[in-house]
All heavy atoms as atom14 arrays in JSON, in Angstrom:
{
  "sequence": "LCAKAGAKYVSPFVGRIDDTGWDGVQLVEQIVHIYGVQGFKTQV",
  "atom14_mask": [
    [1, 1, 1, 1, 1, 1, 1, 1, 0, 0, 0, 0, 0, 0],
    [1, 1, 1, 1, 1, 1, 0, 0, 0, 0, 0, 0, 0, 0],
    [1, 1, 1, 1, 1, 0, 0, 0, 0, 0, 0, 0, 0, 0],
    [1, 1, 1, 1, 1, 1, 1, 1, 1, 0, 0, 0, 0, 0],
    [1, 1, 1, 1, 1, 0, 0, 0, 0, 0, 0, 0, 0, 0],
    [1, 1, 1, 1, 0, 0, 0, 0, 0, 0, 0, 0, 0, 0],
    [1, 1, 1, 1, 1, 0, 0, 0, 0, 0, 0, 0, 0, 0],
    [1, 1, 1, 1, 1, 1, 1, 1, 1, 0, 0, 0, 0, 0],
    [1, 1, 1, 1, 1, 1, 1, 1, 1, 1, 1, 1, 0, 0],
    [1, 1, 1, 1, 1, 1, 1, 0, 0, 0, 0, 0, 0, 0],
    [1, 1, 1, 1, 1, 1, 0, 0, 0, 0, 0, 0, 0, 0],
    [1, 1, 1, 1, 1, 1, 1, 0, 0, 0, 0, 0, 0, 0],
    [1, 1, 1, 1, 1, 1, 1, 1, 1, 1, 1, 0, 0, 0],
    [1, 1, 1, 1, 1, 1, 1, 0, 0, 0, 0, 0, 0, 0],
    [1, 1, 1, 1, 0, 0, 0, 0, 0, 0, 0, 0, 0, 0],
    [1, 1, 1, 1, 1, 1, 1, 1, 1, 1, 1, 0, 0, 0],
    [1, 1, 1, 1, 1, 1, 1, 1, 0, 0, 0, 0, 0, 0],
    [1, 1, 1, 1, 1, 1, 1, 1, 0, 0, 0, 0, 0, 0],
    [1, 1, 1, 1, 1, 1, 1, 1, 0, 0, 0, 0, 0, 0],
    [1, 1, 1, 1, 1, 1, 1, 0, 0, 0, 0, 0, 0, 0],
    [1, 1, 1, 1, 0, 0, 0, 0, 0, 0, 0, 0, 0, 0],
    [1, 1, 1, 1, 1, 1, 1, 1, 1, 1, 1, 1, 1, 1],
    [1, 1, 1, 1, 1, 1, 1, 1, 0, 0, 0, 0, 0, 0],
    [1, 1, 1, 1, 0, 0, 0, 0, 0, 0, 0, 0, 0, 0],
    [1, 1, 1, 1, 1, 1, 1, 0, 0, 0, 0, 0, 0, 0],
    [1, 1, 1, 1, 1, 1, 1, 1, 1, 0, 0, 0, 0, 0],
    [1, 1, 1, 1, 1, 1, 1, 1, 0, 0, 0, 0, 0, 0],
    [1, 1, 1, 1, 1, 1, 1, 0, 0, 0, 0, 0, 0, 0],
    [1, 1, 1, 1, 1, 1, 1, 1, 1, 0, 0, 0, 0, 0],
    [1, 1, 1, 1, 1, 1, 1, 1, 1, 0, 0, 0, 0, 0],
    [1, 1, 1, 1, 1, 1, 1, 1, 0, 0, 0, 0, 0, 0],
    [1, 1, 1, 1, 1, 1, 1, 0, 0, 0, 0, 0, 0, 0],
    [1, 1, 1, 1, 1, 1, 1, 1, 1, 1, 0, 0, 0, 0],
    [1, 1, 1, 1, 1, 1, 1, 1, 0, 0, 0, 0, 0, 0],
    [1, 1, 1, 1, 1, 1, 1, 1, 1, 1, 1, 1, 0, 0],
    [1, 1, 1, 1, 0, 0, 0, 0, 0, 0, 0, 0, 0, 0],
    [1, 1, 1, 1, 1, 1, 1, 0, 0, 0, 0, 0, 0, 0],
    [1, 1, 1, 1, 1, 1, 1, 1, 1, 0, 0, 0, 0, 0],
    [1, 1, 1, 1, 0, 0, 0, 0, 0, 0, 0, 0, 0, 0],
    [1, 1, 1, 1, 1, 1, 1, 1, 1, 1, 1, 0, 0, 0],
    [1, 1, 1, 1, 1, 1, 1, 1, 1, 0, 0, 0, 0, 0],
    [1, 1, 1, 1, 1, 1, 1, 0, 0, 0, 0, 0, 0, 0],
    [1, 1, 1, 1, 1, 1, 1, 1, 1, 0, 0, 0, 0, 0],
    [1, 1, 1, 1, 1, 1, 1, 0, 0, 0, 0, 0, 0, 0]
  ],
  "atom14_positions": [
    [[88.89, 30.55, 129.58], [87.86, 31.38, 130.33], [88.47, 32.71, 130.69], [87.8, 33.73, 130.64], [87.37, 30.61, 131.59], [86.55, 29.36, 131.31], [86.24, 28.72, 132.68], [85.3, 29.74, 130.59], [0.0, 0.0, 0.0], [0.0, 0.0, 0.0], [0.0, 0.0, 0.0], [0.0, 0.0, 0.0], [0.0, 0.0, 0.0], [0.0, 0.0, 0.0]],
    [[89.72, 32.71, 131.13], [90.43, 34.02, 131.5], [90.39, 34.95, 130.32], [90.05, 36.14, 130.47], [91.86, 33.71, 131.9], [92.16, 32.78, 133.41], [0.0, 0.0, 0.0], [0.0, 0.0, 0.0], [0.0, 0.0, 0.0], [0.0, 0.0, 0.0], [0.0, 0.0, 0.0], [0.0, 0.0, 0.0], [0.0, 0.0, 0.0], [0.0, 0.0, 0.0]],
    [[90.78, 34.44, 129.15], [90.81, 35.26, 127.95], [89.45, 35.78, 127.57], [89.3, 36.92, 127.18], [91.49, 34.51, 126.81], [0.0, 0.0, 0.0], [0.0, 0.0, 0.0], [0.0, 0.0, 0.0], [0.0, 0.0, 0.0], [0.0, 0.0, 0.0], [0.0, 0.0, 0.0], [0.0, 0.0, 0.0], [0.0, 0.0, 0.0], [0.0, 0.0, 0.0]],
    [[88.47, 34.88, 127.6], [87.08, 35.27, 127.22], [86.55, 36.37, 128.19], [85.8, 37.26, 127.75], [86.13, 34.04, 127.29], [86.33, 33.06, 126.18], [85.91, 33.6, 124.83], [84.38, 33.76, 124.81], [83.89, 34.29, 123.51], [0.0, 0.0, 0.0], [0.0, 0.0, 0.0], [0.0, 0.0, 0.0], [0.0, 0.0, 0.0], [0.0, 0.0, 0.0]],
    [[86.96, 36.3, 129.44], [86.53, 37.34, 130.41], [87.26, 38.68, 130.24], [86.91, 39.67, 130.87], [86.63, 36.81, 131.8], [0.0, 0.0, 0.0], [0.0, 0.0, 0.0], [0.0, 0.0, 0.0], [0.0, 0.0, 0.0], [0.0, 0.0, 0.0], [0.0, 0.0, 0.0], [0.0, 0.0, 0.0], [0.0, 0.0, 0.0], [0.0, 0.0, 0.0]],
    [[88.39, 38.63, 129.47], [89.12, 39.83, 129.2], [90.28, 40.15, 130.07], [90.78, 41.29, 130.15], [0.0, 0.0, 0.0], [0.0, 0.0, 0.0], [0.0, 0.0, 0.0], [0.0, 0.0, 0.0], [0.0, 0.0, 0.0], [0.0, 0.0, 0.0], [0.0, 0.0, 0.0], [0.0, 0.0, 0.0], [0.0, 0.0, 0.0], [0.0, 0.0, 0.0]],
    [[90.81, 39.13, 130.78], [91.98, 39.38, 131.63], [93.16, 39.88, 130.79], [93.37, 39.43, 129.65], [92.42, 38.04, 132.32], [0.0, 0.0, 0.0], [0.0, 0.0, 0.0], [0.0, 0.0, 0.0], [0.0, 0.0, 0.0], [0.0, 0.0, 0.0], [0.0, 0.0, 0.0], [0.0, 0.0, 0.0], [0.0, 0.0, 0.0], [0.0, 0.0, 0.0]],
    [[93.95, 40.77, 131.34], [95.16, 41.22, 130.64], [96.21, 40.15, 130.66], [96.94, 39.96, 129.71], [95.69, 42.49, 131.28], [96.97, 43.0, 130.55], [97.41, 44.39, 131.02], [98.63, 44.85, 130.21], [99.16, 46.15, 130.62], [0.0, 0.0, 0.0], [0.0, 0.0, 0.0], [0.0, 0.0, 0.0], [0.0, 0.0, 0.0], [0.0, 0.0, 0.0]],
    [[96.33, 39.4, 131.8], [97.31, 38.33, 131.92], [96.63, 37.05, 132.42], [95.64, 37.09, 133.18], [98.36, 38.72, 132.96], [99.16, 39.94, 132.62], [98.96, 41.13, 133.39], [100.17, 39.97, 131.67], [99.74, 42.25, 133.11], [100.89, 41.09, 131.36], [100.69, 42.24, 132.08], [101.42, 43.4, 131.85], [0.0, 0.0, 0.0], [0.0, 0.0, 0.0]],
    [[97.2, 35.94, 132.01], [96.83, 34.66, 132.6], [98.1, 34.03, 133.12], [99.16, 34.08, 132.52], [96.2, 33.68, 131.53], [97.13, 33.44, 130.35], [95.76, 32.4, 132.18], [0.0, 0.0, 0.0], [0.0, 0.0, 0.0], [0.0, 0.0, 0.0], [0.0, 0.0, 0.0], [0.0, 0.0, 0.0], [0.0, 0.0, 0.0], [0.0, 0.0, 0.0]],
    [[97.98, 33.48, 134.36], [99.23, 32.97, 135.03], [99.19, 31.47, 135.23], [98.72, 30.98, 136.27], [99.43, 33.66, 136.35], [99.75, 35.06, 136.18], [0.0, 0.0, 0.0], [0.0, 0.0, 0.0], [0.0, 0.0, 0.0], [0.0, 0.0, 0.0], [0.0, 0.0, 0.0], [0.0, 0.0, 0.0], [0.0, 0.0, 0.0], [0.0, 0.0, 0.0]],
    [[99.7, 30.67, 134.28], [99.85, 29.25, 134.5], [101.07, 29.03, 135.43], [102.09, 29.65, 135.28], [100.11, 28.67, 133.09], [100.69, 29.83, 132.29], [100.1, 31.1, 132.88], [0.0, 0.0, 0.0], [0.0, 0.0, 0.0], [0.0, 0.0, 0.0], [0.0, 0.0, 0.0], [0.0, 0.0, 0.0], [0.0, 0.0, 0.0], [0.0, 0.0, 0.0]],
    [[100.91, 28.11, 136.4], [101.93, 27.89, 137.42], [102.84, 26.7, 136.99], [102.57, 25.54, 137.31], [101.25, 27.6, 138.75], [100.88, 28.81, 139.53], [100.37, 29.95, 138.86], [101.09, 28.87, 140.88], [100.03, 31.09, 139.6], [100.71, 30.01, 141.59], [100.23, 31.13, 140.95], [0.0, 0.0, 0.0], [0.0, 0.0, 0.0], [0.0, 0.0, 0.0]],
    [[103.95, 27.01, 136.33], [104.82, 26.05, 135.74], [105.39, 25.07, 136.81], [105.34, 23.88, 136.67], [105.93, 26.73, 134.94], [106.95, 25.72, 134.46], [105.34, 27.5, 133.79], [0.0, 0.0, 0.0], [0.0, 0.0, 0.0], [0.0, 0.0, 0.0], [0.0, 0.0, 0.0], [0.0, 0.0, 0.0], [0.0, 0.0, 0.0], [0.0, 0.0, 0.0]],
    [[106.05, 25.66, 137.8], [106.68, 24.83, 138.77], [105.75, 23.93, 139.57], [106.1, 22.74, 139.81], [0.0, 0.0, 0.0], [0.0, 0.0, 0.0], [0.0, 0.0, 0.0], [0.0, 0.0, 0.0], [0.0, 0.0, 0.0], [0.0, 0.0, 0.0], [0.0, 0.0, 0.0], [0.0, 0.0, 0.0], [0.0, 0.0, 0.0], [0.0, 0.0, 0.0]],
    [[104.57, 24.43, 139.93], [103.62, 23.58, 140.66], [103.14, 22.42, 139.81], [102.85, 21.38, 140.3], [102.45, 24.43, 141.18], [102.89, 25.41, 142.27], [101.68, 25.95, 143.01], [102.0, 27.13, 143.76], [101.15, 27.81, 144.5], [99.91, 27.35, 144.65], [101.53, 28.88, 145.13], [0.0, 0.0, 0.0], [0.0, 0.0, 0.0], [0.0, 0.0, 0.0]],
    [[102.99, 22.69, 138.47], [102.55, 21.6, 137.59], [103.66, 20.56, 137.49], [103.41, 19.34, 137.52], [102.23, 22.19, 136.16], [100.93, 23.02, 136.27], [102.04, 21.04, 135.18], [100.63, 23.71, 134.99], [0.0, 0.0, 0.0], [0.0, 0.0, 0.0], [0.0, 0.0, 0.0], [0.0, 0.0, 0.0], [0.0, 0.0, 0.0], [0.0, 0.0, 0.0]],
    [[104.92, 21.02, 137.38], [106.04, 20.06, 137.39], [106.06, 19.18, 138.65], [106.4, 18.02, 138.57], [107.39, 20.86, 137.3], [107.66, 21.39, 135.92], [106.81, 21.21, 134.99], [108.72, 22.03, 135.72], [0.0, 0.0, 0.0], [0.0, 0.0, 0.0], [0.0, 0.0, 0.0], [0.0, 0.0, 0.0], [0.0, 0.0, 0.0], [0.0, 0.0, 0.0]],
    [[105.65, 19.8, 139.75], [105.65, 19.07, 141.05], [104.7, 17.84, 141.03], [104.8, 16.91, 141.76], [105.22, 19.97, 142.18], [106.29, 21.01, 142.53], [107.41, 20.87, 142.07], [105.92, 22.02, 143.21], [0.0, 0.0, 0.0], [0.0, 0.0, 0.0], [0.0, 0.0, 0.0], [0.0, 0.0, 0.0], [0.0, 0.0, 0.0], [0.0, 0.0, 0.0]],
    [[103.69, 17.93, 140.12], [102.67, 16.82, 140.0], [103.14, 15.77, 139.0], [102.41, 14.78, 138.79], [101.31, 17.36, 139.65], [101.37, 17.86, 138.27], [100.85, 18.47, 140.57], [0.0, 0.0, 0.0], [0.0, 0.0, 0.0], [0.0, 0.0, 0.0], [0.0, 0.0, 0.0], [0.0, 0.0, 0.0], [0.0, 0.0, 0.0], [0.0, 0.0, 0.0]],
    [[104.29, 16.0, 138.36], [104.75, 15.01, 137.38], [104.44, 15.36, 135.95], [104.77, 14.61, 135.05], [0.0, 0.0, 0.0], [0.0, 0.0, 0.0], [0.0, 0.0, 0.0], [0.0, 0.0, 0.0], [0.0, 0.0, 0.0], [0.0, 0.0, 0.0], [0.0, 0.0, 0.0], [0.0, 0.0, 0.0], [0.0, 0.0, 0.0], [0.0, 0.0, 0.0]],
    [[103.75, 16.48, 135.7], [103.46, 16.94, 134.38], [104.38, 18.01, 133.99], [105.19, 18.5, 134.83], [102.0, 17.41, 134.3], [100.99, 16.31, 134.5], [100.49, 15.88, 135.7], [100.4, 15.47, 133.54], [99.66, 14.86, 135.54], [99.58, 14.54, 134.22], [100.53, 15.39, 132.16], [98.85, 13.56, 133.55], [99.78, 14.41, 131.49], [98.96, 13.52, 132.15]],
    [[104.35, 18.47, 132.74], [105.28, 19.46, 132.2], [104.61, 20.81, 132.15], [103.74, 21.07, 131.29], [105.74, 19.04, 130.83], [106.87, 19.95, 130.26], [107.09, 21.0, 130.85], [107.48, 19.59, 129.23], [0.0, 0.0, 0.0], [0.0, 0.0, 0.0], [0.0, 0.0, 0.0], [0.0, 0.0, 0.0], [0.0, 0.0, 0.0], [0.0, 0.0, 0.0]],
    [[104.99, 21.7, 133.09], [104.34, 23.06, 133.14], [104.64, 23.91, 131.88], [103.77, 24.62, 131.47], [0.0, 0.0, 0.0], [0.0, 0.0, 0.0], [0.0, 0.0, 0.0], [0.0, 0.0, 0.0], [0.0, 0.0, 0.0], [0.0, 0.0, 0.0], [0.0, 0.0, 0.0], [0.0, 0.0, 0.0], [0.0, 0.0, 0.0], [0.0, 0.0, 0.0]],
    [[105.82, 23.76, 131.35], [106.14, 24.55, 130.13], [105.3, 24.13, 129.0], [104.91, 24.97, 128.12], [107.65, 24.44, 129.82], [107.96, 25.12, 128.5], [108.53, 24.99, 130.95], [0.0, 0.0, 0.0], [0.0, 0.0, 0.0], [0.0, 0.0, 0.0], [0.0, 0.0, 0.0], [0.0, 0.0, 0.0], [0.0, 0.0, 0.0], [0.0, 0.0, 0.0]],
    [[104.95, 22.84, 128.9], [104.08, 22.33, 127.84], [102.71, 23.05, 127.86], [102.12, 23.35, 126.87], [103.92, 20.85, 127.93], [103.26, 20.18, 126.74], [103.28, 18.68, 126.84], [102.76, 18.07, 127.81], [103.9, 18.01, 125.89], [0.0, 0.0, 0.0], [0.0, 0.0, 0.0], [0.0, 0.0, 0.0], [0.0, 0.0, 0.0], [0.0, 0.0, 0.0]],
    [[102.24, 23.26, 129.07], [101.0, 23.98, 129.24], [101.09, 25.42, 128.73], [100.24, 25.91, 128.06], [100.49, 24.01, 130.72], [99.24, 24.84, 130.98], [98.06, 24.3, 130.17], [98.93, 24.89, 132.5], [0.0, 0.0, 0.0], [0.0, 0.0, 0.0], [0.0, 0.0, 0.0], [0.0, 0.0, 0.0], [0.0, 0.0, 0.0], [0.0, 0.0, 0.0]],
    [[102.2, 26.09, 129.07], [102.45, 27.43, 128.57], [102.4, 27.44, 127.01], [101.77, 28.28, 126.4], [103.8, 27.96, 129.05], [104.13, 29.34, 128.38], [103.79, 28.13, 130.58], [0.0, 0.0, 0.0], [0.0, 0.0, 0.0], [0.0, 0.0, 0.0], [0.0, 0.0, 0.0], [0.0, 0.0, 0.0], [0.0, 0.0, 0.0], [0.0, 0.0, 0.0]],
    [[103.08, 26.47, 126.47], [103.09, 26.37, 124.97], [101.7, 26.16, 124.41], [101.32, 26.79, 123.45], [103.99, 25.22, 124.55], [104.15, 25.06, 123.06], [105.14, 23.97, 122.69], [105.41, 23.06, 123.52], [105.69, 23.97, 121.54], [0.0, 0.0, 0.0], [0.0, 0.0, 0.0], [0.0, 0.0, 0.0], [0.0, 0.0, 0.0], [0.0, 0.0, 0.0]],
    [[100.92, 25.35, 125.07], [99.57, 25.04, 124.62], [98.68, 26.33, 124.69], [97.93, 26.64, 123.72], [98.9, 23.96, 125.46], [97.52, 23.52, 125.01], [96.87, 22.51, 125.93], [97.21, 22.42, 127.11], [95.96, 21.66, 125.39], [0.0, 0.0, 0.0], [0.0, 0.0, 0.0], [0.0, 0.0, 0.0], [0.0, 0.0, 0.0], [0.0, 0.0, 0.0]],
    [[98.79, 27.04, 125.78], [97.99, 28.32, 125.93], [98.4, 29.32, 124.88], [97.58, 29.99, 124.28], [98.11, 28.88, 127.35], [97.55, 27.86, 128.35], [97.37, 30.19, 127.47], [97.84, 28.25, 129.81], [0.0, 0.0, 0.0], [0.0, 0.0, 0.0], [0.0, 0.0, 0.0], [0.0, 0.0, 0.0], [0.0, 0.0, 0.0], [0.0, 0.0, 0.0]],
    [[99.73, 29.48, 124.71], [100.18, 30.48, 123.69], [99.67, 30.09, 122.34], [99.24, 30.97, 121.6], [101.76, 30.47, 123.64], [102.27, 31.23, 122.46], [102.33, 31.09, 124.93], [0.0, 0.0, 0.0], [0.0, 0.0, 0.0], [0.0, 0.0, 0.0], [0.0, 0.0, 0.0], [0.0, 0.0, 0.0], [0.0, 0.0, 0.0], [0.0, 0.0, 0.0]],
    [[99.64, 28.8, 122.0], [99.12, 28.36, 120.7], [97.64, 28.66, 120.56], [97.18, 29.21, 119.54], [99.35, 26.87, 120.54], [98.75, 26.29, 119.32], [99.25, 26.55, 118.03], [97.69, 25.49, 119.09], [98.52, 25.93, 117.13], [97.56, 25.29, 117.73], [0.0, 0.0, 0.0], [0.0, 0.0, 0.0], [0.0, 0.0, 0.0], [0.0, 0.0, 0.0]],
    [[96.86, 28.33, 121.61], [95.4, 28.57, 121.55], [95.09, 30.07, 121.41], [94.27, 30.41, 120.58], [94.73, 28.0, 122.82], [94.77, 26.47, 122.82], [93.29, 28.52, 122.94], [94.31, 25.84, 124.06], [0.0, 0.0, 0.0], [0.0, 0.0, 0.0], [0.0, 0.0, 0.0], [0.0, 0.0, 0.0], [0.0, 0.0, 0.0], [0.0, 0.0, 0.0]],
    [[95.76, 30.86, 122.15], [95.56, 32.31, 122.09], [95.92, 32.85, 120.72], [95.23, 33.73, 120.17], [96.41, 33.04, 123.14], [95.85, 33.0, 124.55], [94.79, 32.14, 124.9], [96.4, 33.78, 125.58], [94.33, 32.07, 126.17], [95.87, 33.73, 126.87], [94.84, 32.89, 127.17], [94.35, 32.85, 128.47], [0.0, 0.0, 0.0], [0.0, 0.0, 0.0]],
    [[96.96, 32.31, 120.1], [97.33, 32.75, 118.73], [96.28, 32.37, 117.72], [95.9, 33.17, 116.84], [0.0, 0.0, 0.0], [0.0, 0.0, 0.0], [0.0, 0.0, 0.0], [0.0, 0.0, 0.0], [0.0, 0.0, 0.0], [0.0, 0.0, 0.0], [0.0, 0.0, 0.0], [0.0, 0.0, 0.0], [0.0, 0.0, 0.0], [0.0, 0.0, 0.0]],
    [[95.8, 31.11, 117.83], [94.78, 30.64, 116.91], [93.49, 31.41, 117.0], [92.89, 31.81, 116.04], [94.53, 29.13, 117.15], [93.24, 28.64, 116.4], [95.72, 28.27, 116.76], [0.0, 0.0, 0.0], [0.0, 0.0, 0.0], [0.0, 0.0, 0.0], [0.0, 0.0, 0.0], [0.0, 0.0, 0.0], [0.0, 0.0, 0.0], [0.0, 0.0, 0.0]],
    [[93.16, 31.72, 118.24], [91.83, 32.36, 118.52], [91.92, 33.92, 118.48], [90.88, 34.58, 118.51], [91.29, 31.95, 119.86], [90.94, 30.44, 119.95], [89.89, 30.03, 118.96], [88.97, 30.82, 118.64], [89.96, 28.85, 118.45], [0.0, 0.0, 0.0], [0.0, 0.0, 0.0], [0.0, 0.0, 0.0], [0.0, 0.0, 0.0], [0.0, 0.0, 0.0]],
    [[93.13, 34.44, 118.44], [93.29, 35.88, 118.38], [93.0, 36.59, 119.77], [92.7, 37.78, 119.77], [0.0, 0.0, 0.0], [0.0, 0.0, 0.0], [0.0, 0.0, 0.0], [0.0, 0.0, 0.0], [0.0, 0.0, 0.0], [0.0, 0.0, 0.0], [0.0, 0.0, 0.0], [0.0, 0.0, 0.0], [0.0, 0.0, 0.0], [0.0, 0.0, 0.0]],
    [[93.13, 35.82, 120.81], [92.95, 36.42, 122.17], [94.12, 37.39, 122.43], [95.23, 37.19, 122.1], [92.91, 35.36, 123.26], [91.7, 34.44, 123.24], [91.8, 33.12, 123.4], [90.44, 35.01, 123.07], [90.71, 32.3, 123.44], [89.33, 34.2, 123.05], [89.45, 32.84, 123.26], [0.0, 0.0, 0.0], [0.0, 0.0, 0.0], [0.0, 0.0, 0.0]],
    [[93.74, 38.49, 123.12], [94.72, 39.53, 123.44], [95.39, 39.31, 124.8], [96.38, 39.95, 125.15], [94.06, 40.9, 123.43], [93.37, 41.27, 122.12], [94.4, 41.25, 120.95], [93.79, 41.64, 119.64], [94.72, 41.56, 118.52], [0.0, 0.0, 0.0], [0.0, 0.0, 0.0], [0.0, 0.0, 0.0], [0.0, 0.0, 0.0], [0.0, 0.0, 0.0]],
    [[94.87, 38.42, 125.6], [95.42, 38.11, 126.93], [96.89, 37.65, 126.82], [97.17, 36.82, 125.95], [94.57, 37.03, 127.65], [93.26, 37.5, 127.77], [95.12, 36.73, 129.01], [0.0, 0.0, 0.0], [0.0, 0.0, 0.0], [0.0, 0.0, 0.0], [0.0, 0.0, 0.0], [0.0, 0.0, 0.0], [0.0, 0.0, 0.0], [0.0, 0.0, 0.0]],
    [[97.73, 38.17, 127.66], [99.15, 37.76, 127.62], [99.39, 36.61, 128.6], [98.87, 36.61, 129.68], [100.05, 38.92, 127.98], [99.97, 40.1, 127.04], [100.84, 41.27, 127.47], [101.96, 41.04, 127.86], [100.31, 42.48, 127.39], [0.0, 0.0, 0.0], [0.0, 0.0, 0.0], [0.0, 0.0, 0.0], [0.0, 0.0, 0.0], [0.0, 0.0, 0.0]],
    [[100.25, 35.67, 128.1], [100.52, 34.49, 128.95], [101.71, 34.86, 129.85], [102.85, 35.11, 129.42], [100.9, 33.26, 128.08], [101.25, 32.05, 128.95], [99.78, 32.92, 127.15], [0.0, 0.0, 0.0], [0.0, 0.0, 0.0], [0.0, 0.0, 0.0], [0.0, 0.0, 0.0], [0.0, 0.0, 0.0], [0.0, 0.0, 0.0], [0.0, 0.0, 0.0]]
  ]
}
């Protein structure tokens, strides 16, 4: 949604995700992959 709206940056919160027991870096990787596939210009 951030990318579709045209944000220059999207800020996933790695440390806070880690605090919940999930892997925040994995989310960064997923977003980078999606943006690459879709050609979004928003920076992660």
